[in-house]
Each structure stands twice: as C-alpha cells, then as structure tokens.
Amino acid sequence: MHPASTIRKVFEGVATRAEMHRMFNRHRGNPAMAEGDARHLFAGEWFEIAESEYDYMLELLPPLWMRADMFAMRELMTASVTSVFLSLSIDGEMRWFHGYCDLSDRASAERMKAAIIERESRPVRAMTREERLEHIWSSTHDDYRGYAGERWPAPVRGHRTVLVYAGRHGTALKLLDNLTEAEIAAKLPVQLRHLPEAVAA
C-alpha cells in the first residue's frame, strides 16, 4: 500500500513543468481515488520545482491564502488536501517547492515547511530507500506502473506495482516495495544510482 500520511519527498531533483503535472496525477488508478477517500495518498507529499513553475501556479488562480513564503491553491485535490507552494531560503539559496497539506490541520503547512528545510539542509546529498521508490513511482510512465488487482494474493491487492526487466524471462510486474537494490538502481536515472543511502528521519 501507499505509505501513511507522513511528510515525504517523492521526486529527486527540480521537476520540470511536465514532471510537475505528472506528479499531480501520480495516484491515478489507485483504488482509493475511486472510493473517494484519497486524503492519505496526497497529504504530506512534496517535491522541488523551479521559480518559473512557482510563479506560473501563483498566477493561475487567486490563492486560497498567501503568506510571506507560501500560498495555497483554492481548488482542493481531495477532501481538505490542497497544493501548497513554498519559496524557501535554504543554506542561503532561494528554492521553490510544492507540497500537499491537509488544511483540516492548521499546522500542516508549517510542518511541511520545517520538514523540507530539515531534509534539504543535509550536508551530503543522499536518498533513503523510500525516496528512491517514490522517485521511481513518480517518474515511471503510467503504462509501466499500476496496482495489484484480483490476480494478486488478497493481502497485497491495491499495492503499487511496476514493470521490471527479469532477464531471460523478459519483463514482469513486481510490487514496488519488493524491488531489489539492483532493480532499484536499474530504474533510477544514472545520476541518482550512486547516491549514498540516507537514514530515514
């Protein structure tokens, strides 16, 4: 299944506009979307964007609210969860981010801000296993990812699956959470394969 609504980075690097829009739809096909209760899928997710994407989203619609370093989109993604865009100074450099916050929790945006600053202030660039899996999910084309259906054992139905190369056996669907380190490395872009393993906070 998808992880619980903890604050989590779902893409490594600065997302382009096309990548940003793909990540807005990264849960398409999830059974919870059809059931109308997808708050846990979105709340807590974040990724980095460029200043131009921040400005583009700010000009798209009047924000629901705006503070000195962040604003919230008026349109909700699901239930009380909406997009919050942040403009943050990290180690003396301005950077821009998108995150999903559950506005039923008034402190959610400030917690998101603090978590991003803490994560991005690490002295060494690294990724946790969970961040590697989330990046793979975010960057895999819809045709090569999905959710375990009725042909899978009952305990894993609804869990995320991705298509992997299985050597002489061709390609096969595998649970995202069950990818081996070699399979993870093969699905990551070259520049991310050799980043050190970060310890989850």
N, C-alpha and C. Protein backbone atom coordinates (compact mmCIF):
# COMPACT_ATOMS: atom_id res chain seq x y z
N MET A 1 0.85 -1.19 0.00
CA MET A 1 0.00 0.00 0.00
C MET A 1 0.88 1.24 0.00
N HIS A 2 0.23 2.37 -0.19
CA HIS A 2 0.96 3.62 -0.13
C HIS A 2 1.25 3.94 1.32
N PRO A 3 2.43 4.56 1.61
CA PRO A 3 2.75 4.89 3.00
C PRO A 3 1.72 5.82 3.61
N ALA A 4 1.66 5.82 4.93
CA ALA A 4 0.72 6.68 5.65
C ALA A 4 1.08 8.13 5.41
N SER A 5 0.21 9.03 5.86
CA SER A 5 0.35 10.45 5.55
C SER A 5 1.46 11.11 6.35
N THR A 6 2.69 10.65 6.15
CA THR A 6 3.85 11.30 6.73
C THR A 6 4.39 12.27 5.69
N ILE A 7 5.19 13.23 6.13
CA ILE A 7 5.78 14.18 5.19
C ILE A 7 6.91 13.46 4.47
N ARG A 8 6.86 13.42 3.13
CA ARG A 8 7.80 12.61 2.37
C ARG A 8 8.12 13.24 1.02
N LYS A 9 9.38 13.14 0.65
CA LYS A 9 9.85 13.62 -0.65
C LYS A 9 9.54 12.56 -1.69
N VAL A 10 8.94 12.97 -2.83
CA VAL A 10 8.51 11.97 -3.82
C VAL A 10 9.21 12.10 -5.16
N PHE A 11 10.19 13.02 -5.26
CA PHE A 11 10.91 13.19 -6.52
C PHE A 11 12.24 13.85 -6.21
N GLU A 12 13.31 13.31 -6.79
CA GLU A 12 14.65 13.88 -6.57
C GLU A 12 14.99 14.82 -7.71
N GLY A 13 15.48 16.01 -7.38
CA GLY A 13 15.82 16.99 -8.40
C GLY A 13 14.72 18.04 -8.52
N VAL A 14 14.91 18.95 -9.46
CA VAL A 14 13.94 20.02 -9.70
C VAL A 14 13.01 19.58 -10.83
N ALA A 15 11.72 19.44 -10.53
CA ALA A 15 10.76 18.97 -11.52
C ALA A 15 10.50 20.02 -12.59
N THR A 16 10.45 19.59 -13.83
CA THR A 16 10.03 20.47 -14.92
C THR A 16 8.52 20.66 -14.82
N ARG A 17 7.98 21.53 -15.66
CA ARG A 17 6.52 21.73 -15.63
C ARG A 17 5.78 20.44 -16.00
N ALA A 18 6.30 19.73 -17.01
CA ALA A 18 5.66 18.46 -17.40
C ALA A 18 5.73 17.45 -16.26
N GLU A 19 6.88 17.36 -15.60
CA GLU A 19 7.02 16.42 -14.47
C GLU A 19 6.13 16.83 -13.31
N MET A 20 6.00 18.13 -13.07
CA MET A 20 5.13 18.62 -12.01
C MET A 20 3.69 18.18 -12.26
N HIS A 21 3.21 18.36 -13.48
CA HIS A 21 1.83 17.97 -13.80
C HIS A 21 1.65 16.46 -13.72
N ARG A 22 2.68 15.69 -14.09
CA ARG A 22 2.60 14.23 -13.95
C ARG A 22 2.47 13.84 -12.48
N MET A 23 3.19 14.54 -11.62
CA MET A 23 3.12 14.20 -10.20
C MET A 23 1.81 14.62 -9.56
N PHE A 24 1.14 15.61 -10.14
CA PHE A 24 -0.20 15.93 -9.65
C PHE A 24 -1.13 14.72 -9.85
N ASN A 25 -0.81 13.88 -10.85
CA ASN A 25 -1.65 12.73 -11.18
C ASN A 25 -0.98 11.40 -10.83
N ARG A 26 -0.03 11.40 -9.92
CA ARG A 26 0.75 10.18 -9.67
C ARG A 26 -0.06 9.08 -8.99
N HIS A 27 -1.25 9.39 -8.51
CA HIS A 27 -2.08 8.36 -7.88
C HIS A 27 -3.26 7.94 -8.74
N ARG A 28 -3.24 8.34 -10.01
CA ARG A 28 -4.31 7.93 -10.92
C ARG A 28 -4.39 6.41 -10.95
N GLY A 29 -5.59 5.87 -10.81
CA GLY A 29 -5.77 4.43 -10.84
C GLY A 29 -5.76 3.78 -9.47
N ASN A 30 -5.36 4.52 -8.44
CA ASN A 30 -5.36 3.95 -7.10
C ASN A 30 -6.80 3.69 -6.67
N PRO A 31 -7.08 2.51 -6.10
CA PRO A 31 -8.46 2.20 -5.68
C PRO A 31 -9.06 3.26 -4.76
N ALA A 32 -8.24 3.88 -3.94
CA ALA A 32 -8.77 4.90 -3.01
C ALA A 32 -9.33 6.11 -3.76
N MET A 33 -8.81 6.40 -4.95
CA MET A 33 -9.33 7.51 -5.74
C MET A 33 -10.77 7.24 -6.15
N ALA A 34 -11.04 6.01 -6.58
CA ALA A 34 -12.40 5.65 -6.99
C ALA A 34 -13.35 5.64 -5.81
N GLU A 35 -12.82 5.30 -4.63
CA GLU A 35 -13.66 5.24 -3.44
C GLU A 35 -13.90 6.62 -2.84
N GLY A 36 -13.18 7.62 -3.34
CA GLY A 36 -13.40 8.99 -2.89
C GLY A 36 -12.73 9.34 -1.58
N ASP A 37 -11.80 8.50 -1.10
CA ASP A 37 -11.11 8.78 0.16
C ASP A 37 -9.62 8.67 -0.07
N ALA A 38 -9.05 9.67 -0.75
CA ALA A 38 -7.64 9.61 -1.14
C ALA A 38 -6.78 10.59 -0.36
N ARG A 39 -7.30 11.11 0.72
CA ARG A 39 -6.55 12.10 1.50
C ARG A 39 -5.17 11.57 1.89
N HIS A 40 -5.10 10.31 2.35
CA HIS A 40 -3.85 9.73 2.82
C HIS A 40 -2.83 9.56 1.69
N LEU A 41 -3.28 9.50 0.44
CA LEU A 41 -2.36 9.35 -0.67
C LEU A 41 -1.55 10.62 -0.91
N PHE A 42 -2.21 11.76 -0.78
CA PHE A 42 -1.59 13.03 -1.13
C PHE A 42 -0.96 13.75 0.05
N ALA A 43 -1.64 13.81 1.18
CA ALA A 43 -1.19 14.63 2.30
C ALA A 43 0.23 14.27 2.72
N GLY A 44 1.11 15.26 2.72
CA GLY A 44 2.49 15.06 3.14
C GLY A 44 3.49 14.93 2.01
N GLU A 45 3.03 14.74 0.77
CA GLU A 45 3.97 14.61 -0.35
C GLU A 45 4.55 15.97 -0.73
N TRP A 46 5.83 15.98 -1.13
CA TRP A 46 6.43 17.23 -1.61
C TRP A 46 7.54 16.94 -2.60
N PHE A 47 7.83 17.95 -3.44
CA PHE A 47 8.93 17.88 -4.38
C PHE A 47 9.36 19.29 -4.76
N GLU A 48 10.55 19.40 -5.33
CA GLU A 48 11.10 20.71 -5.68
C GLU A 48 10.70 21.11 -7.10
N ILE A 49 10.46 22.39 -7.29
CA ILE A 49 10.13 22.95 -8.60
C ILE A 49 11.02 24.17 -8.85
N ALA A 50 10.96 24.69 -10.06
CA ALA A 50 11.71 25.90 -10.39
C ALA A 50 10.89 27.15 -10.04
N GLU A 51 11.55 28.29 -9.95
CA GLU A 51 10.86 29.55 -9.66
C GLU A 51 9.79 29.83 -10.71
N SER A 52 10.07 29.51 -11.97
CA SER A 52 9.10 29.77 -13.04
C SER A 52 7.81 28.99 -12.82
N GLU A 53 7.91 27.77 -12.29
CA GLU A 53 6.71 26.96 -12.02
C GLU A 53 5.95 27.52 -10.81
N TYR A 54 6.67 28.00 -9.83
CA TYR A 54 6.06 28.65 -8.67
C TYR A 54 5.25 29.86 -9.12
N ASP A 55 5.86 30.71 -9.93
CA ASP A 55 5.18 31.91 -10.43
C ASP A 55 3.99 31.55 -11.32
N TYR A 56 4.16 30.54 -12.15
CA TYR A 56 3.08 30.07 -13.04
C TYR A 56 1.86 29.65 -12.22
N MET A 57 2.08 28.87 -11.16
CA MET A 57 0.96 28.41 -10.34
C MET A 57 0.34 29.55 -9.54
N LEU A 58 1.15 30.52 -9.13
CA LEU A 58 0.63 31.67 -8.40
C LEU A 58 -0.31 32.50 -9.27
N GLU A 59 0.01 32.60 -10.56
CA GLU A 59 -0.78 33.42 -11.47
C GLU A 59 -1.99 32.68 -12.05
N LEU A 60 -2.05 31.36 -11.83
CA LEU A 60 -3.10 30.55 -12.43
C LEU A 60 -4.48 30.89 -11.88
N LEU A 61 -4.59 30.95 -10.56
CA LEU A 61 -5.85 31.26 -9.88
C LEU A 61 -5.53 32.08 -8.64
N PRO A 62 -6.47 32.90 -8.18
CA PRO A 62 -6.23 33.58 -6.91
C PRO A 62 -6.04 32.53 -5.81
N PRO A 63 -4.98 32.65 -4.99
CA PRO A 63 -4.75 31.64 -3.96
C PRO A 63 -5.82 31.65 -2.88
N LEU A 64 -5.96 30.52 -2.22
CA LEU A 64 -6.87 30.40 -1.08
C LEU A 64 -6.39 31.27 0.06
N TRP A 65 -5.09 31.21 0.31
CA TRP A 65 -4.42 32.10 1.24
C TRP A 65 -2.96 32.26 0.83
N MET A 66 -2.35 33.33 1.29
CA MET A 66 -0.97 33.61 0.94
C MET A 66 -0.25 34.18 2.14
N ARG A 67 0.97 33.66 2.38
CA ARG A 67 1.84 34.17 3.43
C ARG A 67 3.14 34.62 2.78
N ALA A 68 4.07 35.10 3.56
CA ALA A 68 5.31 35.65 3.01
C ALA A 68 6.06 34.63 2.16
N ASP A 69 6.04 33.36 2.57
CA ASP A 69 6.86 32.37 1.88
C ASP A 69 6.07 31.18 1.33
N MET A 70 4.76 31.29 1.29
CA MET A 70 3.96 30.19 0.74
C MET A 70 2.55 30.64 0.40
N PHE A 71 1.89 29.88 -0.48
CA PHE A 71 0.48 30.11 -0.78
C PHE A 71 -0.19 28.77 -1.05
N ALA A 72 -1.50 28.75 -0.85
CA ALA A 72 -2.28 27.53 -1.04
C ALA A 72 -3.22 27.69 -2.23
N MET A 73 -3.36 26.63 -3.01
CA MET A 73 -4.29 26.64 -4.14
C MET A 73 -5.73 26.62 -3.63
N ARG A 74 -6.60 27.34 -4.32
CA ARG A 74 -8.01 27.41 -3.95
C ARG A 74 -8.72 26.09 -4.18
N GLU A 75 -8.35 25.38 -5.26
CA GLU A 75 -9.01 24.11 -5.58
C GLU A 75 -8.39 22.99 -4.77
N LEU A 76 -9.24 22.23 -4.07
CA LEU A 76 -8.76 21.12 -3.26
C LEU A 76 -8.49 19.91 -4.15
N MET A 77 -7.44 19.16 -3.81
CA MET A 77 -7.14 17.93 -4.54
C MET A 77 -8.13 16.83 -4.14
N THR A 78 -8.33 16.69 -2.85
CA THR A 78 -9.26 15.70 -2.33
C THR A 78 -9.59 16.07 -0.89
N ALA A 79 -10.83 15.92 -0.50
CA ALA A 79 -11.26 16.26 0.86
C ALA A 79 -10.72 17.64 1.24
N SER A 80 -9.90 17.72 2.29
CA SER A 80 -9.36 19.02 2.74
C SER A 80 -7.90 19.19 2.35
N VAL A 81 -7.41 18.38 1.41
CA VAL A 81 -6.00 18.44 0.98
C VAL A 81 -5.87 19.31 -0.26
N THR A 82 -4.92 20.23 -0.23
CA THR A 82 -4.67 21.08 -1.39
C THR A 82 -3.17 21.29 -1.58
N SER A 83 -2.83 21.84 -2.73
CA SER A 83 -1.44 22.16 -3.05
C SER A 83 -1.01 23.42 -2.31
N VAL A 84 0.17 23.34 -1.72
CA VAL A 84 0.81 24.50 -1.10
C VAL A 84 2.16 24.68 -1.78
N PHE A 85 2.44 25.89 -2.22
CA PHE A 85 3.69 26.20 -2.90
C PHE A 85 4.53 27.05 -1.97
N LEU A 86 5.81 26.67 -1.84
CA LEU A 86 6.69 27.31 -0.87
C LEU A 86 7.91 27.91 -1.56
N SER A 87 8.31 29.09 -1.09
CA SER A 87 9.52 29.78 -1.55
C SER A 87 10.42 29.92 -0.33
N LEU A 88 11.50 29.11 -0.29
CA LEU A 88 12.27 28.98 0.94
C LEU A 88 13.75 29.29 0.71
N SER A 89 14.37 29.93 1.69
CA SER A 89 15.81 30.12 1.68
C SER A 89 16.44 28.97 2.45
N ILE A 90 17.25 28.17 1.74
CA ILE A 90 17.91 27.02 2.35
C ILE A 90 19.40 27.16 2.12
N ASP A 91 20.15 27.23 3.21
CA ASP A 91 21.60 27.43 3.14
C ASP A 91 21.95 28.65 2.29
N GLY A 92 21.15 29.71 2.43
CA GLY A 92 21.43 30.96 1.73
C GLY A 92 21.00 31.01 0.28
N GLU A 93 20.31 29.98 -0.17
CA GLU A 93 19.87 29.92 -1.58
C GLU A 93 18.36 29.82 -1.64
N MET A 94 17.72 30.58 -2.52
CA MET A 94 16.27 30.51 -2.69
C MET A 94 15.91 29.28 -3.51
N ARG A 95 14.93 28.52 -3.02
CA ARG A 95 14.44 27.33 -3.72
C ARG A 95 12.93 27.28 -3.58
N TRP A 96 12.27 26.54 -4.48
CA TRP A 96 10.82 26.53 -4.55
C TRP A 96 10.31 25.09 -4.51
N PHE A 97 9.17 24.90 -3.86
CA PHE A 97 8.66 23.55 -3.62
C PHE A 97 7.14 23.50 -3.75
N HIS A 98 6.65 22.31 -4.02
CA HIS A 98 5.22 22.02 -3.98
C HIS A 98 4.99 20.93 -2.95
N GLY A 99 3.94 21.08 -2.14
CA GLY A 99 3.58 20.05 -1.19
C GLY A 99 2.08 19.96 -1.05
N TYR A 100 1.59 18.80 -0.62
CA TYR A 100 0.17 18.63 -0.34
C TYR A 100 -0.04 18.70 1.17
N CYS A 101 -0.89 19.64 1.59
CA CYS A 101 -1.17 19.81 3.01
C CYS A 101 -2.66 19.59 3.28
N ASP A 102 -2.94 18.96 4.40
CA ASP A 102 -4.32 18.75 4.84
C ASP A 102 -4.73 19.97 5.66
N LEU A 103 -5.56 20.82 5.08
CA LEU A 103 -5.91 22.09 5.72
C LEU A 103 -6.83 21.93 6.92
N SER A 104 -7.32 20.70 7.16
CA SER A 104 -8.08 20.48 8.39
C SER A 104 -7.15 20.54 9.61
N ASP A 105 -5.85 20.44 9.35
CA ASP A 105 -4.82 20.58 10.38
C ASP A 105 -4.13 21.92 10.13
N ARG A 106 -4.40 22.89 10.95
CA ARG A 106 -3.91 24.25 10.72
C ARG A 106 -2.38 24.35 10.72
N ALA A 107 -1.72 23.41 11.37
CA ALA A 107 -0.25 23.46 11.46
C ALA A 107 0.43 22.71 10.33
N SER A 108 -0.34 22.12 9.42
CA SER A 108 0.26 21.23 8.41
C SER A 108 1.23 21.95 7.49
N ALA A 109 0.92 23.18 7.08
CA ALA A 109 1.80 23.90 6.16
C ALA A 109 3.12 24.26 6.83
N GLU A 110 3.07 24.66 8.08
CA GLU A 110 4.31 25.00 8.79
C GLU A 110 5.15 23.75 9.04
N ARG A 111 4.50 22.61 9.31
CA ARG A 111 5.24 21.36 9.48
C ARG A 111 5.89 20.94 8.17
N MET A 112 5.16 21.14 7.07
CA MET A 112 5.72 20.83 5.75
C MET A 112 6.97 21.68 5.50
N LYS A 113 6.86 22.96 5.76
CA LYS A 113 7.99 23.88 5.58
C LYS A 113 9.20 23.44 6.41
N ALA A 114 8.99 23.13 7.67
CA ALA A 114 10.09 22.73 8.55
C ALA A 114 10.72 21.43 8.07
N ALA A 115 9.90 20.48 7.61
CA ALA A 115 10.41 19.19 7.15
C ALA A 115 11.25 19.35 5.88
N ILE A 116 10.80 20.20 4.95
CA ILE A 116 11.56 20.43 3.72
C ILE A 116 12.91 21.06 4.04
N ILE A 117 12.90 22.09 4.89
CA ILE A 117 14.16 22.76 5.25
C ILE A 117 15.10 21.77 5.93
N GLU A 118 14.59 20.95 6.83
CA GLU A 118 15.44 19.97 7.52
C GLU A 118 16.01 18.97 6.53
N ARG A 119 15.17 18.47 5.62
CA ARG A 119 15.61 17.45 4.66
C ARG A 119 16.64 18.02 3.67
N GLU A 120 16.41 19.22 3.19
CA GLU A 120 17.27 19.78 2.16
C GLU A 120 18.50 20.49 2.72
N SER A 121 18.61 20.58 4.03
CA SER A 121 19.79 21.19 4.65
C SER A 121 20.87 20.17 4.99
N ARG A 122 20.65 18.92 4.63
CA ARG A 122 21.66 17.89 4.91
C ARG A 122 22.95 18.22 4.17
N PRO A 123 24.11 18.02 4.82
CA PRO A 123 25.37 18.39 4.19
C PRO A 123 25.76 17.51 3.00
N VAL A 124 25.28 16.26 2.97
CA VAL A 124 25.62 15.33 1.89
C VAL A 124 24.35 14.94 1.17
N ARG A 125 24.37 15.02 -0.16
CA ARG A 125 23.20 14.61 -0.95
C ARG A 125 23.05 13.10 -0.86
N ALA A 126 21.89 12.65 -0.44
CA ALA A 126 21.64 11.22 -0.28
C ALA A 126 20.15 10.97 -0.41
N MET A 127 19.78 9.70 -0.55
CA MET A 127 18.37 9.31 -0.67
C MET A 127 18.10 8.09 0.20
N THR A 128 16.97 8.08 0.88
CA THR A 128 16.56 6.87 1.60
C THR A 128 15.99 5.87 0.59
N ARG A 129 15.84 4.63 1.01
CA ARG A 129 15.21 3.63 0.14
C ARG A 129 13.80 4.08 -0.24
N GLU A 130 13.06 4.64 0.72
CA GLU A 130 11.70 5.09 0.45
C GLU A 130 11.69 6.20 -0.59
N GLU A 131 12.65 7.12 -0.52
CA GLU A 131 12.73 8.19 -1.51
C GLU A 131 13.07 7.64 -2.89
N ARG A 132 13.91 6.63 -2.95
CA ARG A 132 14.24 6.00 -4.24
C ARG A 132 12.99 5.37 -4.85
N LEU A 133 12.21 4.67 -4.03
CA LEU A 133 10.99 4.04 -4.53
C LEU A 133 9.98 5.09 -4.98
N GLU A 134 9.85 6.17 -4.22
CA GLU A 134 8.91 7.23 -4.59
C GLU A 134 9.34 7.89 -5.90
N HIS A 135 10.65 8.09 -6.08
CA HIS A 135 11.13 8.69 -7.32
C HIS A 135 10.82 7.77 -8.50
N ILE A 136 11.03 6.48 -8.31
CA ILE A 136 10.72 5.52 -9.38
C ILE A 136 9.24 5.59 -9.73
N TRP A 137 8.38 5.61 -8.71
CA TRP A 137 6.94 5.68 -8.96
C TRP A 137 6.58 6.98 -9.69
N SER A 138 7.16 8.09 -9.25
CA SER A 138 6.84 9.39 -9.85
C SER A 138 7.29 9.49 -11.30
N SER A 139 8.40 8.83 -11.64
CA SER A 139 8.97 9.00 -12.98
C SER A 139 8.63 7.87 -13.94
N THR A 140 7.94 6.83 -13.48
CA THR A 140 7.57 5.71 -14.36
C THR A 140 6.30 6.06 -15.12
N HIS A 141 6.29 5.80 -16.41
CA HIS A 141 5.12 6.08 -17.25
C HIS A 141 3.94 5.24 -16.78
N ASP A 142 2.74 5.80 -16.94
CA ASP A 142 1.52 5.11 -16.49
C ASP A 142 1.39 3.71 -17.08
N ASP A 143 1.90 3.50 -18.29
CA ASP A 143 1.78 2.18 -18.93
C ASP A 143 2.62 1.12 -18.24
N TYR A 144 3.57 1.54 -17.41
CA TYR A 144 4.50 0.59 -16.78
C TYR A 144 4.38 0.55 -15.26
N ARG A 145 3.30 1.10 -14.75
CA ARG A 145 3.03 1.03 -13.31
C ARG A 145 1.54 0.86 -13.09
N GLY A 146 1.18 0.37 -11.93
CA GLY A 146 -0.25 0.16 -11.65
C GLY A 146 -0.45 -0.32 -10.23
N TYR A 147 -1.55 -1.02 -10.03
CA TYR A 147 -1.92 -1.50 -8.70
C TYR A 147 -2.31 -2.97 -8.78
N ALA A 148 -1.88 -3.72 -7.78
CA ALA A 148 -2.17 -5.15 -7.76
C ALA A 148 -3.67 -5.37 -7.70
N GLY A 149 -4.17 -6.18 -8.65
CA GLY A 149 -5.61 -6.44 -8.75
C GLY A 149 -5.99 -7.81 -8.25
N GLU A 150 -7.06 -8.36 -8.80
CA GLU A 150 -7.64 -9.60 -8.30
C GLU A 150 -6.75 -10.81 -8.51
N ARG A 151 -5.82 -10.75 -9.46
CA ARG A 151 -4.93 -11.89 -9.70
C ARG A 151 -3.84 -12.02 -8.65
N TRP A 152 -3.69 -10.98 -7.84
CA TRP A 152 -2.67 -10.99 -6.78
C TRP A 152 -3.26 -11.55 -5.49
N PRO A 153 -2.44 -12.07 -4.59
CA PRO A 153 -2.95 -12.52 -3.29
C PRO A 153 -3.68 -11.39 -2.57
N ALA A 154 -4.73 -11.72 -1.86
CA ALA A 154 -5.58 -10.71 -1.20
C ALA A 154 -4.80 -9.71 -0.35
N PRO A 155 -3.79 -10.13 0.43
CA PRO A 155 -3.10 -9.16 1.30
C PRO A 155 -2.39 -8.03 0.56
N VAL A 156 -2.06 -8.22 -0.75
CA VAL A 156 -1.30 -7.18 -1.45
C VAL A 156 -2.13 -6.46 -2.51
N ARG A 157 -3.40 -6.78 -2.62
CA ARG A 157 -4.24 -6.10 -3.60
C ARG A 157 -4.32 -4.61 -3.28
N GLY A 158 -4.17 -3.80 -4.32
CA GLY A 158 -4.16 -2.35 -4.13
C GLY A 158 -2.77 -1.78 -3.92
N HIS A 159 -1.77 -2.65 -3.72
CA HIS A 159 -0.40 -2.18 -3.57
C HIS A 159 0.16 -1.77 -4.93
N ARG A 160 1.14 -0.89 -4.94
CA ARG A 160 1.71 -0.40 -6.19
C ARG A 160 2.60 -1.44 -6.85
N THR A 161 2.51 -1.51 -8.19
CA THR A 161 3.34 -2.43 -8.96
C THR A 161 4.05 -1.67 -10.07
N VAL A 162 5.22 -2.18 -10.47
CA VAL A 162 5.95 -1.61 -11.60
C VAL A 162 6.46 -2.76 -12.47
N LEU A 163 6.66 -2.45 -13.74
CA LEU A 163 7.19 -3.44 -14.67
C LEU A 163 8.72 -3.43 -14.57
N VAL A 164 9.30 -4.61 -14.39
CA VAL A 164 10.76 -4.71 -14.28
C VAL A 164 11.27 -5.70 -15.32
N TYR A 165 12.54 -5.55 -15.69
CA TYR A 165 13.18 -6.48 -16.62
C TYR A 165 13.66 -7.68 -15.81
N ALA A 166 13.23 -8.87 -16.22
CA ALA A 166 13.54 -10.09 -15.49
C ALA A 166 14.52 -10.98 -16.25
N GLY A 167 15.46 -10.38 -16.95
CA GLY A 167 16.47 -11.15 -17.65
C GLY A 167 15.89 -11.98 -18.77
N ARG A 168 16.28 -13.24 -18.83
CA ARG A 168 15.83 -14.12 -19.92
C ARG A 168 14.33 -14.36 -19.89
N HIS A 169 13.68 -14.02 -18.77
CA HIS A 169 12.22 -14.18 -18.66
C HIS A 169 11.46 -12.97 -19.19
N GLY A 170 12.18 -11.97 -19.68
CA GLY A 170 11.52 -10.78 -20.22
C GLY A 170 11.16 -9.80 -19.12
N THR A 171 9.98 -9.21 -19.21
CA THR A 171 9.52 -8.25 -18.20
C THR A 171 8.43 -8.87 -17.34
N ALA A 172 8.30 -8.35 -16.12
CA ALA A 172 7.30 -8.88 -15.19
C ALA A 172 6.85 -7.76 -14.26
N LEU A 173 5.61 -7.85 -13.82
CA LEU A 173 5.11 -6.91 -12.81
C LEU A 173 5.62 -7.34 -11.44
N LYS A 174 6.04 -6.36 -10.67
CA LYS A 174 6.53 -6.65 -9.32
C LYS A 174 6.03 -5.57 -8.38
N LEU A 175 5.79 -5.94 -7.13
CA LEU A 175 5.40 -4.94 -6.14
C LEU A 175 6.52 -3.93 -5.97
N LEU A 176 6.18 -2.65 -6.01
CA LEU A 176 7.17 -1.59 -5.87
C LEU A 176 8.00 -1.77 -4.61
N ASP A 177 7.34 -2.07 -3.50
CA ASP A 177 8.04 -2.20 -2.22
C ASP A 177 8.99 -3.39 -2.18
N ASN A 178 8.83 -4.35 -3.10
CA ASN A 178 9.66 -5.56 -3.10
C ASN A 178 10.83 -5.49 -4.08
N LEU A 179 11.06 -4.35 -4.71
CA LEU A 179 12.19 -4.25 -5.64
C LEU A 179 13.51 -4.49 -4.91
N THR A 180 14.39 -5.22 -5.57
CA THR A 180 15.72 -5.43 -5.02
C THR A 180 16.56 -4.18 -5.24
N GLU A 181 17.72 -4.12 -4.58
CA GLU A 181 18.60 -2.97 -4.76
C GLU A 181 19.05 -2.86 -6.21
N ALA A 182 19.30 -4.00 -6.86
CA ALA A 182 19.71 -3.98 -8.27
C ALA A 182 18.58 -3.46 -9.15
N GLU A 183 17.34 -3.86 -8.87
CA GLU A 183 16.20 -3.39 -9.66
C GLU A 183 15.96 -1.90 -9.44
N ILE A 184 16.15 -1.44 -8.22
CA ILE A 184 16.01 -0.02 -7.93
C ILE A 184 17.05 0.77 -8.71
N ALA A 185 18.30 0.32 -8.67
CA ALA A 185 19.38 1.00 -9.38
C ALA A 185 19.09 1.06 -10.88
N ALA A 186 18.57 -0.04 -11.43
CA ALA A 186 18.31 -0.10 -12.87
C ALA A 186 17.21 0.87 -13.28
N LYS A 187 16.28 1.17 -12.38
CA LYS A 187 15.15 2.03 -12.72
C LYS A 187 15.41 3.50 -12.40
N LEU A 188 16.48 3.80 -11.67
CA LEU A 188 16.81 5.18 -11.36
C LEU A 188 17.65 5.80 -12.47
N PRO A 189 17.55 7.11 -12.69
CA PRO A 189 18.45 7.78 -13.63
C PRO A 189 19.90 7.59 -13.18
N VAL A 190 20.81 7.59 -14.13
CA VAL A 190 22.23 7.33 -13.84
C VAL A 190 22.75 8.23 -12.73
N GLN A 191 22.37 9.51 -12.73
CA GLN A 191 22.93 10.46 -11.76
C GLN A 191 22.45 10.19 -10.34
N LEU A 192 21.42 9.35 -10.17
CA LEU A 192 20.91 9.06 -8.82
C LEU A 192 21.32 7.68 -8.32
N ARG A 193 21.85 6.85 -9.19
CA ARG A 193 22.11 5.46 -8.81
C ARG A 193 23.15 5.32 -7.71
N HIS A 194 24.12 6.21 -7.69
CA HIS A 194 25.23 6.03 -6.76
C HIS A 194 25.19 6.99 -5.58
N LEU A 195 24.07 7.64 -5.37
CA LEU A 195 23.95 8.48 -4.18
C LEU A 195 23.97 7.59 -2.95
N PRO A 196 24.60 8.04 -1.87
CA PRO A 196 24.63 7.22 -0.66
C PRO A 196 23.25 7.04 -0.07
N GLU A 197 23.10 5.96 0.69
CA GLU A 197 21.81 5.67 1.35
C GLU A 197 21.68 6.58 2.56
N ALA A 198 20.61 7.34 2.62
CA ALA A 198 20.36 8.21 3.76
C ALA A 198 19.56 7.44 4.80
N VAL A 199 19.78 7.78 6.05
CA VAL A 199 19.00 7.18 7.13
C VAL A 199 17.69 7.92 7.25
N ALA A 200 16.58 7.21 7.22
CA ALA A 200 15.28 7.86 7.32
C ALA A 200 15.17 8.60 8.64
N ALA A 201 14.59 9.80 8.58
CA ALA A 201 14.47 10.62 9.80
C ALA A 201 13.44 10.03 10.73
